[in-house]
Amino acid sequence: MQSSLSNKLNLIVENLNFNKIISISEDYNKSIVNSLPNDVYMIDIISHVDQIKDQTDNENLVILEVDERQYNQDMLLKMAKLRTYHQTNLIILIKHMGTLATNLFHETLMSYGFKHLFREKLENIFYDLYEYNIIDYKIKPEWLNSDYWANPELWKK
């Protein structure tokens, strides 16, 4: 039986168009990874962030599963590196018990331009799912258009 978390993650993955899913996790939740639609996608599971190649491949979706105990400067740099190389295809799943470390991860990911999609509790463990997509990470302000900056006669309005 699939969990609500698996169902939500499946819905996100099914609405994206990728040839392969790369799941990065030192201690991944098999029930979550195994519930992904592997009949449609090829799923590679690697155990550490350093194993992924420094290449941008918009055909692959990268899912990084991180435990709150992994919060440190080294992990943050690796997450930033992933964000740089996988600008339109990165999901981070934070596993936590609801402590301060989770808030630190949240603050950092939000400052990196990630969107918090949802929080789910599964077997007394919380999961927060974040997405990064350079295309829509920032909402364009209403005033930022050619009607104002390209028409000096409208500046005084």
C-alpha atoms as a PDB file:
ATOM      1  CA  MET A   1       0.000   0.000   0.000  1.00  0.00           C
ATOM      2  CA  GLN A   2       1.396   3.368  -1.005  1.00  0.00           C
ATOM      3  CA  SER A   3       1.722   6.192   1.505  1.00  0.00           C
ATOM      4  CA  SER A   4       0.399   9.691   0.997  1.00  0.00           C
ATOM      5  CA  LEU A   5       4.013  10.823   0.570  1.00  0.00           C
ATOM      6  CA  SER A   6       4.597   8.271  -2.193  1.00  0.00           C
ATOM      7  CA  ASN A   7       1.373   9.307  -3.903  1.00  0.00           C
ATOM      8  CA  LYS A   8       2.319  13.000  -3.843  1.00  0.00           C
ATOM      9  CA  LEU A   9       5.844  12.280  -5.059  1.00  0.00           C
ATOM     10  CA  ASN A  10       4.444  10.051  -7.795  1.00  0.00           C
ATOM     11  CA  LEU A  11       2.077  12.819  -8.886  1.00  0.00           C
ATOM     12  CA  ILE A  12       4.990  15.274  -9.152  1.00  0.00           C
ATOM     13  CA  VAL A  13       7.181  12.808 -11.068  1.00  0.00           C
ATOM     14  CA  GLU A  14       4.371  11.816 -13.442  1.00  0.00           C
ATOM     15  CA  ASN A  15       3.741  15.465 -14.344  1.00  0.00           C
ATOM     16  CA  LEU A  16       7.380  16.003 -15.218  1.00  0.00           C
ATOM     17  CA  ASN A  17       8.930  14.748 -18.422  1.00  0.00           C
ATOM     18  CA  PHE A  18      12.226  13.013 -17.654  1.00  0.00           C
ATOM     19  CA  ASN A  19      13.854   9.908 -19.074  1.00  0.00           C
ATOM     20  CA  LYS A  20      15.565   8.826 -15.883  1.00  0.00           C
ATOM     21  CA  ILE A  21      15.381   9.430 -12.133  1.00  0.00           C
ATOM     22  CA  ILE A  22      18.621   9.580 -10.162  1.00  0.00           C
ATOM     23  CA  SER A  23      17.929   9.032  -6.459  1.00  0.00           C
ATOM     24  CA  ILE A  24      20.757  10.030  -4.117  1.00  0.00           C
ATOM     25  CA  SER A  25      20.498   8.712  -0.576  1.00  0.00           C
ATOM     26  CA  GLU A  26      22.856   7.205   1.953  1.00  0.00           C
ATOM     27  CA  ASP A  27      19.955   5.540   3.756  1.00  0.00           C
ATOM     28  CA  TYR A  28      16.981   5.798   1.453  1.00  0.00           C
ATOM     29  CA  ASN A  29      13.438   4.816   2.280  1.00  0.00           C
ATOM     30  CA  LYS A  30      12.891   1.827   0.005  1.00  0.00           C
ATOM     31  CA  SER A  31       9.118   2.177   0.161  1.00  0.00           C
ATOM     32  CA  ILE A  32       9.346   5.692  -1.294  1.00  0.00           C
ATOM     33  CA  VAL A  33      11.864   4.922  -4.050  1.00  0.00           C
ATOM     34  CA  ASN A  34      10.227   1.624  -4.958  1.00  0.00           C
ATOM     35  CA  SER A  35       6.858   3.326  -5.328  1.00  0.00           C
ATOM     36  CA  LEU A  36       8.119   5.607  -8.086  1.00  0.00           C
ATOM     37  CA  PRO A  37       6.777   4.717 -11.524  1.00  0.00           C
ATOM     38  CA  ASN A  38       9.733   2.596 -12.589  1.00  0.00           C
ATOM     39  CA  ASP A  39       7.787   1.124 -15.487  1.00  0.00           C
ATOM     40  CA  VAL A  40       8.022   4.539 -17.158  1.00  0.00           C
ATOM     41  CA  TYR A  41      11.395   5.678 -15.869  1.00  0.00           C
ATOM     42  CA  MET A  42      14.758   4.131 -15.335  1.00  0.00           C
ATOM     43  CA  ILE A  43      15.768   4.685 -11.698  1.00  0.00           C
ATOM     44  CA  ASP A  44      19.404   4.837 -10.604  1.00  0.00           C
ATOM     45  CA  ILE A  45      20.068   4.770  -6.870  1.00  0.00           C
ATOM     46  CA  ILE A  46      23.414   6.086  -5.703  1.00  0.00           C
ATOM     47  CA  SER A  47      24.531   6.340  -2.101  1.00  0.00           C
ATOM     48  CA  HIS A  48      26.356   9.671  -2.028  1.00  0.00           C
ATOM     49  CA  VAL A  49      26.118  13.121  -3.625  1.00  0.00           C
ATOM     50  CA  ASP A  50      29.749  12.944  -4.758  1.00  0.00           C
ATOM     51  CA  GLN A  51      28.931  10.024  -7.054  1.00  0.00           C
ATOM     52  CA  ILE A  52      26.843  12.128  -9.411  1.00  0.00           C
ATOM     53  CA  LYS A  53      28.700  13.549 -12.378  1.00  0.00           C
ATOM     54  CA  ASP A  54      29.076  17.306 -12.718  1.00  0.00           C
ATOM     55  CA  GLN A  55      27.015  17.442 -15.856  1.00  0.00           C
ATOM     56  CA  THR A  56      23.806  19.142 -16.736  1.00  0.00           C
ATOM     57  CA  ASP A  57      21.417  16.661 -18.221  1.00  0.00           C
ATOM     58  CA  ASN A  58      17.900  17.996 -18.550  1.00  0.00           C
ATOM     59  CA  GLU A  59      16.693  14.488 -19.392  1.00  0.00           C
ATOM     60  CA  ASN A  60      17.225  13.278 -15.801  1.00  0.00           C
ATOM     61  CA  LEU A  61      15.390  14.133 -12.589  1.00  0.00           C
ATOM     62  CA  VAL A  62      17.622  14.229  -9.505  1.00  0.00           C
ATOM     63  CA  ILE A  63      16.046  13.390  -6.130  1.00  0.00           C
ATOM     64  CA  LEU A  64      18.305  13.962  -3.125  1.00  0.00           C
ATOM     65  CA  GLU A  65      17.136  12.423   0.165  1.00  0.00           C
ATOM     66  CA  VAL A  66      18.862  13.993   3.164  1.00  0.00           C
ATOM     67  CA  ASP A  67      18.548  13.236   6.865  1.00  0.00           C
ATOM     68  CA  GLU A  68      18.489  16.176   9.311  1.00  0.00           C
ATOM     69  CA  ARG A  69      21.655  14.797  10.939  1.00  0.00           C
ATOM     70  CA  GLN A  70      23.523  15.539   7.697  1.00  0.00           C
ATOM     71  CA  TYR A  71      23.103  19.309   8.120  1.00  0.00           C
ATOM     72  CA  ASN A  72      26.597  20.768   7.855  1.00  0.00           C
ATOM     73  CA  GLN A  73      28.541  23.152   5.625  1.00  0.00           C
ATOM     74  CA  ASP A  74      29.795  20.331   3.401  1.00  0.00           C
ATOM     75  CA  MET A  75      26.252  19.086   2.679  1.00  0.00           C
ATOM     76  CA  LEU A  76      25.044  22.629   1.988  1.00  0.00           C
ATOM     77  CA  LEU A  77      27.846  23.114  -0.552  1.00  0.00           C
ATOM     78  CA  LYS A  78      26.911  19.831  -2.235  1.00  0.00           C
ATOM     79  CA  MET A  79      23.259  20.897  -2.397  1.00  0.00           C
ATOM     80  CA  ALA A  80      24.277  24.234  -3.902  1.00  0.00           C
ATOM     81  CA  LYS A  81      26.421  22.407  -6.454  1.00  0.00           C
ATOM     82  CA  LEU A  82      23.525  20.143  -7.402  1.00  0.00           C
ATOM     83  CA  ARG A  83      21.322  23.210  -7.777  1.00  0.00           C
ATOM     84  CA  THR A  84      23.891  24.792 -10.083  1.00  0.00           C
ATOM     85  CA  TYR A  85      24.202  21.773 -12.369  1.00  0.00           C
ATOM     86  CA  HIS A  86      20.570  20.619 -12.278  1.00  0.00           C
ATOM     87  CA  GLN A  87      18.646  23.883 -12.519  1.00  0.00           C
ATOM     88  CA  THR A  88      15.384  22.525 -13.876  1.00  0.00           C
ATOM     89  CA  ASN A  89      15.285  19.038 -12.451  1.00  0.00           C
ATOM     90  CA  LEU A  90      16.122  18.863  -8.750  1.00  0.00           C
ATOM     91  CA  ILE A  91      14.001  17.662  -5.823  1.00  0.00           C
ATOM     92  CA  ILE A  92      15.294  17.484  -2.256  1.00  0.00           C
ATOM     93  CA  LEU A  93      13.552  15.318   0.324  1.00  0.00           C
ATOM     94  CA  ILE A  94      14.495  16.206   3.926  1.00  0.00           C
ATOM     95  CA  LYS A  95      13.885  13.461   6.501  1.00  0.00           C
ATOM     96  CA  HIS A  96      13.570  14.732  10.097  1.00  0.00           C
ATOM     97  CA  MET A  97      12.013  14.335  13.507  1.00  0.00           C
ATOM     98  CA  GLY A  98      10.754  17.938  13.641  1.00  0.00           C
ATOM     99  CA  THR A  99      13.809  19.570  15.281  1.00  0.00           C
ATOM    100  CA  LEU A 100      15.818  22.764  14.842  1.00  0.00           C
ATOM    101  CA  ALA A 101      18.037  21.189  12.183  1.00  0.00           C
ATOM    102  CA  THR A 102      14.993  20.962   9.940  1.00  0.00           C
ATOM    103  CA  ASN A 103      14.428  24.687  10.321  1.00  0.00           C
ATOM    104  CA  LEU A 104      18.058  25.300   9.383  1.00  0.00           C
ATOM    105  CA  PHE A 105      17.658  23.164   6.262  1.00  0.00           C
ATOM    106  CA  HIS A 106      14.422  25.002   5.445  1.00  0.00           C
ATOM    107  CA  GLU A 107      15.989  28.445   5.850  1.00  0.00           C
ATOM    108  CA  THR A 108      18.977  27.474   3.727  1.00  0.00           C
ATOM    109  CA  LEU A 109      16.943  25.873   0.943  1.00  0.00           C
ATOM    110  CA  MET A 110      14.588  28.851   0.794  1.00  0.00           C
ATOM    111  CA  SER A 111      17.609  31.180   0.518  1.00  0.00           C
ATOM    112  CA  TYR A 112      18.906  28.979  -2.335  1.00  0.00           C
ATOM    113  CA  GLY A 113      15.646  29.562  -4.241  1.00  0.00           C
ATOM    114  CA  PHE A 114      13.912  26.239  -3.545  1.00  0.00           C
ATOM    115  CA  LYS A 115      10.145  25.966  -3.155  1.00  0.00           C
ATOM    116  CA  HIS A 116       8.684  23.997  -0.264  1.00  0.00           C
ATOM    117  CA  LEU A 117       6.061  21.755  -1.831  1.00  0.00           C
ATOM    118  CA  PHE A 118       4.753  19.816   1.166  1.00  0.00           C
ATOM    119  CA  ARG A 119       5.434  18.143   4.524  1.00  0.00           C
ATOM    120  CA  GLU A 120       4.273  14.609   5.232  1.00  0.00           C
ATOM    121  CA  LYS A 121       4.542  12.281   8.222  1.00  0.00           C
ATOM    122  CA  LEU A 122       5.328   8.646   7.495  1.00  0.00           C
ATOM    123  CA  GLU A 123       6.030   6.091  10.234  1.00  0.00           C
ATOM    124  CA  ASN A 124       6.737   8.839  12.836  1.00  0.00           C
ATOM    125  CA  ILE A 125       9.250  10.529  10.553  1.00  0.00           C
ATOM    126  CA  PHE A 126       8.569  13.817   8.811  1.00  0.00           C
ATOM    127  CA  TYR A 127       9.497  14.441   5.175  1.00  0.00           C
ATOM    128  CA  ASP A 128       9.703  17.884   3.600  1.00  0.00           C
ATOM    129  CA  LEU A 129       9.872  18.019  -0.170  1.00  0.00           C
ATOM    130  CA  TYR A 130      11.556  20.942  -1.935  1.00  0.00           C
ATOM    131  CA  GLU A 131      11.851  21.663  -5.643  1.00  0.00           C
ATOM    132  CA  TYR A 132      14.254  23.880  -7.538  1.00  0.00           C
ATOM    133  CA  ASN A 133      13.505  25.144 -11.014  1.00  0.00           C
ATOM    134  CA  ILE A 134      15.414  28.147 -12.310  1.00  0.00           C
ATOM    135  CA  ILE A 135      12.579  28.947 -14.698  1.00  0.00           C
ATOM    136  CA  ASP A 136      10.045  29.814 -12.017  1.00  0.00           C
ATOM    137  CA  TYR A 137      12.011  30.240  -8.785  1.00  0.00           C
ATOM    138  CA  LYS A 138      11.247  33.960  -8.650  1.00  0.00           C
ATOM    139  CA  ILE A 139       7.919  35.597  -9.386  1.00  0.00           C
ATOM    140  CA  LYS A 140       8.311  38.519 -11.758  1.00  0.00           C
ATOM    141  CA  PRO A 141       7.130  41.804 -10.179  1.00  0.00           C
ATOM    142  CA  GLU A 142       4.239  43.559 -11.870  1.00  0.00           C
ATOM    143  CA  TRP A 143       6.277  46.735 -12.438  1.00  0.00           C
ATOM    144  CA  LEU A 144       9.092  44.888 -14.261  1.00  0.00           C
ATOM    145  CA  ASN A 145       7.903  45.284 -17.831  1.00  0.00           C
ATOM    146  CA  SER A 146       8.486  47.458 -20.854  1.00  0.00           C
ATOM    147  CA  ASP A 147       5.404  49.581 -20.114  1.00  0.00           C
ATOM    148  CA  TYR A 148       7.413  51.448 -17.455  1.00  0.00           C
ATOM    149  CA  TRP A 149      11.135  51.282 -18.062  1.00  0.00           C
ATOM    150  CA  ALA A 150      10.956  51.620 -21.863  1.00  0.00           C
ATOM    151  CA  ASN A 151       8.494  54.556 -21.792  1.00  0.00           C
ATOM    152  CA  PRO A 152      10.046  57.539 -19.990  1.00  0.00           C
ATOM    153  CA  GLU A 153       6.845  59.540 -20.461  1.00  0.00           C
ATOM    154  CA  LEU A 154       5.124  57.162 -18.004  1.00  0.00           C
ATOM    155  CA  TRP A 155       7.757  57.446 -15.258  1.00  0.00           C
ATOM    156  CA  LYS A 156       5.893  60.214 -13.410  1.00  0.00           C
ATOM    157  CA  LYS A 157       2.686  58.188 -13.198  1.00  0.00           C
END
